[in-house]
Amino acid sequence: SLCYVHSRFYKGQRKQLSKSRFLSESGLVKGESLKLTKKSEFRKGDLVKHKLFGIGRVQSANKSGKAYKLKINFGGNKKEILSSFVQSV
């Protein structure tokens, strides 16, 4: 049987967790719950601006708790940043 937790204690703090990608890749998970979620305003290929790193291109956007975690390429320097720290260009 496969299972996962929604949150756990990590370094003394409760952290929200996302499902492992291996659950869906295994093909053993029958279905997802039907939840309506707000989609990220950022999509793959969008240009964004960060105060410290400058302008970058979004490579992916994944739900992380209540926010979205973006993988952004800043001219070869790849970072994972929460969507609240960047703005669309």
C-alpha atoms as a PDB file:
ATOM      1  CA  SER A   1       0.000   0.000   0.000  1.00  0.00           C
ATOM      2  CA  LEU A   2       1.181   3.530  -0.798  1.00  0.00           C
ATOM      3  CA  CYS A   3       0.425   6.572   1.294  1.00  0.00           C
ATOM      4  CA  TYR A   4       1.596  10.126   1.931  1.00  0.00           C
ATOM      5  CA  VAL A   5       1.161  12.838   4.536  1.00  0.00           C
ATOM      6  CA  HIS A   6      -0.043  16.396   4.024  1.00  0.00           C
ATOM      7  CA  SER A   7       2.376  17.839   6.564  1.00  0.00           C
ATOM      8  CA  ARG A   8       5.133  16.774   8.944  1.00  0.00           C
ATOM      9  CA  PHE A   9       7.495  18.226  11.494  1.00  0.00           C
ATOM     10  CA  TYR A  10      10.816  19.152   9.888  1.00  0.00           C
ATOM     11  CA  LYS A  11      13.558  20.859  11.882  1.00  0.00           C
ATOM     12  CA  GLY A  12      11.093  21.686  14.652  1.00  0.00           C
ATOM     13  CA  GLN A  13       8.461  23.252  12.387  1.00  0.00           C
ATOM     14  CA  ARG A  14       5.378  21.867  10.689  1.00  0.00           C
ATOM     15  CA  LYS A  15       5.879  21.877   6.902  1.00  0.00           C
ATOM     16  CA  GLN A  16       3.271  21.401   4.168  1.00  0.00           C
ATOM     17  CA  LEU A  17       4.266  18.671   1.745  1.00  0.00           C
ATOM     18  CA  SER A  18       3.308  17.884  -1.810  1.00  0.00           C
ATOM     19  CA  LYS A  19       2.833  14.355  -3.074  1.00  0.00           C
ATOM     20  CA  SER A  20       5.894  12.616  -4.394  1.00  0.00           C
ATOM     21  CA  ARG A  21       5.991  12.507  -8.190  1.00  0.00           C
ATOM     22  CA  PHE A  22       6.750   8.807  -7.831  1.00  0.00           C
ATOM     23  CA  LEU A  23       3.178   8.153  -6.664  1.00  0.00           C
ATOM     24  CA  SER A  24       1.741   9.180 -10.030  1.00  0.00           C
ATOM     25  CA  GLU A  25       4.622   7.653 -12.006  1.00  0.00           C
ATOM     26  CA  SER A  26       4.084   4.283 -10.318  1.00  0.00           C
ATOM     27  CA  GLY A  27       0.676   3.898 -11.961  1.00  0.00           C
ATOM     28  CA  LEU A  28      -0.666   2.399  -8.726  1.00  0.00           C
ATOM     29  CA  VAL A  29      -2.652   5.447  -7.648  1.00  0.00           C
ATOM     30  CA  LYS A  30      -6.244   5.068  -8.861  1.00  0.00           C
ATOM     31  CA  GLY A  31      -7.442   8.638  -8.865  1.00  0.00           C
ATOM     32  CA  GLU A  32      -7.129  12.119  -7.513  1.00  0.00           C
ATOM     33  CA  SER A  33      -9.681  13.850  -5.361  1.00  0.00           C
ATOM     34  CA  LEU A  34     -11.739  16.408  -7.201  1.00  0.00           C
ATOM     35  CA  LYS A  35     -10.700  19.731  -5.711  1.00  0.00           C
ATOM     36  CA  LEU A  36     -11.055  23.065  -7.400  1.00  0.00           C
ATOM     37  CA  THR A  37      -7.752  24.889  -7.117  1.00  0.00           C
ATOM     38  CA  LYS A  38      -6.773  28.325  -8.282  1.00  0.00           C
ATOM     39  CA  LYS A  39      -4.297  28.046 -11.109  1.00  0.00           C
ATOM     40  CA  SER A  40      -1.028  29.889 -10.940  1.00  0.00           C
ATOM     41  CA  GLU A  41      -0.903  33.164 -12.819  1.00  0.00           C
ATOM     42  CA  PHE A  42       2.521  32.038 -14.072  1.00  0.00           C
ATOM     43  CA  ARG A  43       3.033  29.499 -16.841  1.00  0.00           C
ATOM     44  CA  LYS A  44       6.049  27.825 -18.374  1.00  0.00           C
ATOM     45  CA  GLY A  45       7.872  30.308 -20.592  1.00  0.00           C
ATOM     46  CA  ASP A  46       6.592  33.463 -18.837  1.00  0.00           C
ATOM     47  CA  LEU A  47       9.094  36.213 -18.070  1.00  0.00           C
ATOM     48  CA  VAL A  48       9.229  37.341 -14.445  1.00  0.00           C
ATOM     49  CA  LYS A  49      11.223  39.867 -12.451  1.00  0.00           C
ATOM     50  CA  HIS A  50      12.820  39.277  -9.041  1.00  0.00           C
ATOM     51  CA  LYS A  51      14.306  42.131  -6.967  1.00  0.00           C
ATOM     52  CA  LEU A  52      17.660  40.399  -6.469  1.00  0.00           C
ATOM     53  CA  PHE A  53      18.039  38.039  -9.455  1.00  0.00           C
ATOM     54  CA  GLY A  54      16.499  40.262 -12.159  1.00  0.00           C
ATOM     55  CA  ILE A  55      14.527  38.930 -15.127  1.00  0.00           C
ATOM     56  CA  GLY A  56      14.105  35.207 -15.632  1.00  0.00           C
ATOM     57  CA  ARG A  57      11.982  32.664 -17.492  1.00  0.00           C
ATOM     58  CA  VAL A  58       9.574  30.314 -15.674  1.00  0.00           C
ATOM     59  CA  GLN A  59      10.379  26.636 -16.271  1.00  0.00           C
ATOM     60  CA  SER A  60       7.590  25.181 -14.099  1.00  0.00           C
ATOM     61  CA  ALA A  61       4.980  26.136 -11.505  1.00  0.00           C
ATOM     62  CA  ASN A  62       3.921  23.716  -8.747  1.00  0.00           C
ATOM     63  CA  LYS A  63       1.513  24.150  -5.850  1.00  0.00           C
ATOM     64  CA  SER A  64       3.364  24.407  -2.523  1.00  0.00           C
ATOM     65  CA  GLY A  65       0.989  24.869   0.389  1.00  0.00           C
ATOM     66  CA  LYS A  66      -1.100  27.962  -0.356  1.00  0.00           C
ATOM     67  CA  ALA A  67       1.426  29.443  -2.811  1.00  0.00           C
ATOM     68  CA  TYR A  68       3.117  28.311  -6.011  1.00  0.00           C
ATOM     69  CA  LYS A  69       6.760  27.324  -6.183  1.00  0.00           C
ATOM     70  CA  LEU A  70       8.287  28.464  -9.470  1.00  0.00           C
ATOM     71  CA  LYS A  71      11.413  27.054 -11.080  1.00  0.00           C
ATOM     72  CA  ILE A  72      12.974  30.037 -12.846  1.00  0.00           C
ATOM     73  CA  ASN A  73      16.038  30.291 -15.081  1.00  0.00           C
ATOM     74  CA  PHE A  74      17.840  33.598 -14.534  1.00  0.00           C
ATOM     75  CA  GLY A  75      20.338  33.476 -17.427  1.00  0.00           C
ATOM     76  CA  GLY A  76      21.669  30.015 -16.574  1.00  0.00           C
ATOM     77  CA  ASN A  77      21.244  30.477 -12.810  1.00  0.00           C
ATOM     78  CA  LYS A  78      18.245  28.281 -11.892  1.00  0.00           C
ATOM     79  CA  LYS A  79      16.286  29.047  -8.706  1.00  0.00           C
ATOM     80  CA  GLU A  80      13.135  27.801  -6.969  1.00  0.00           C
ATOM     81  CA  ILE A  81      11.165  30.811  -5.723  1.00  0.00           C
ATOM     82  CA  LEU A  82       7.644  31.301  -4.357  1.00  0.00           C
ATOM     83  CA  SER A  83       5.376  33.185  -6.746  1.00  0.00           C
ATOM     84  CA  SER A  84       4.805  35.961  -4.195  1.00  0.00           C
ATOM     85  CA  PHE A  85       8.443  37.079  -4.610  1.00  0.00           C
ATOM     86  CA  VAL A  86       8.268  37.731  -8.367  1.00  0.00           C
ATOM     87  CA  GLN A  87       6.124  39.771 -10.722  1.00  0.00           C
ATOM     88  CA  SER A  88       5.211  39.316 -14.377  1.00  0.00           C
ATOM     89  CA  VAL A  89       7.152  41.321 -16.935  1.00  0.00           C
END
